[in-house]
Amino acid sequence: MKAFPTTNWKSTPPLGTGYDEGMDLRDYFAAKAMQRLVDLVTHPKDVARNAYIIADAMMKERTNETN
């Protein structure tokens, strides 16, 4: 799943429109988690690893949603 898909208007030749799929939702979740983790964890590899652990949990929880 992608976050922020958009129609991408090109302002330089060749003119026209394109489609930007956006970033992976998992990467978006990891980036949001990392914003807080940098205050709590000192080693960059630990920050990245923990951010993706949180992102994976968020992705899993999305599949468990019941509406």
Protein backbone atom coordinates (compact mmCIF):
# COMPACT_ATOMS: atom_id res chain seq x y z
CA MET A 1 0.00 0.00 0.00
CA LYS A 2 1.23 3.49 -0.80
CA ALA A 3 0.92 6.74 1.13
CA PHE A 4 0.31 10.03 -0.68
CA PRO A 5 -0.28 8.93 -4.28
CA THR A 6 -0.65 11.99 -6.50
CA THR A 7 -0.98 13.18 -10.03
CA ASN A 8 2.38 14.75 -10.70
CA TRP A 9 2.24 17.83 -12.93
CA LYS A 10 5.50 18.29 -14.81
CA SER A 11 6.68 21.87 -15.30
CA THR A 12 9.69 21.05 -17.44
CA PRO A 13 9.71 19.54 -20.95
CA PRO A 14 8.26 17.19 -21.87
CA LEU A 15 5.14 18.80 -20.46
CA GLY A 16 2.27 16.65 -19.33
CA THR A 17 1.08 14.75 -16.35
CA GLY A 18 2.38 11.72 -14.62
CA TYR A 19 1.43 9.64 -11.64
CA ASP A 20 3.52 9.38 -8.50
CA GLU A 21 2.67 6.25 -6.55
CA GLY A 22 3.87 7.80 -3.31
CA MET A 23 5.93 6.17 -0.59
CA ASP A 24 5.27 2.80 0.98
CA LEU A 25 2.87 3.07 3.89
CA ARG A 26 5.26 0.96 5.97
CA ASP A 27 8.04 3.50 5.35
CA TYR A 28 5.70 6.34 6.29
CA PHE A 29 4.78 4.63 9.57
CA ALA A 30 8.48 3.99 10.28
CA ALA A 31 9.33 7.64 9.66
CA LYS A 32 6.60 8.77 12.04
CA ALA A 33 7.79 6.34 14.72
CA MET A 34 11.38 7.43 14.20
CA GLN A 35 10.48 11.03 15.05
CA ARG A 36 9.89 9.94 18.65
CA LEU A 37 12.55 7.23 18.82
CA VAL A 38 15.43 9.63 18.11
CA ASP A 39 14.72 11.17 21.51
CA LEU A 40 14.80 7.78 23.26
CA VAL A 41 17.43 5.66 21.46
CA THR A 42 21.03 6.73 20.86
CA HIS A 43 22.34 4.36 18.18
CA PRO A 44 21.04 5.05 14.63
CA LYS A 45 20.75 1.33 13.75
CA ASP A 46 18.62 0.78 16.86
CA VAL A 47 16.41 3.73 15.90
CA ALA A 48 15.88 2.32 12.40
CA ARG A 49 15.28 -1.24 13.58
CA ASN A 50 12.79 -0.17 16.25
CA ALA A 51 11.01 2.19 13.84
CA TYR A 52 10.36 -0.69 11.46
CA ILE A 53 9.26 -2.98 14.31
CA ILE A 54 6.66 -0.36 15.19
CA ALA A 55 5.72 0.12 11.53
CA ASP A 56 5.27 -3.63 11.05
CA ALA A 57 3.01 -3.74 14.11
CA MET A 58 0.97 -0.88 12.69
CA MET A 59 0.66 -2.62 9.32
CA LYS A 60 -0.43 -5.84 11.05
CA GLU A 61 -2.98 -3.98 13.15
CA ARG A 62 -4.49 -2.48 9.99
CA THR A 63 -5.29 -6.00 8.76
CA ASN A 64 -6.92 -6.82 12.13
CA GLU A 65 -9.38 -3.91 11.98
CA THR A 66 -13.06 -4.76 12.18
CA ASN A 67 -15.54 -2.16 11.03
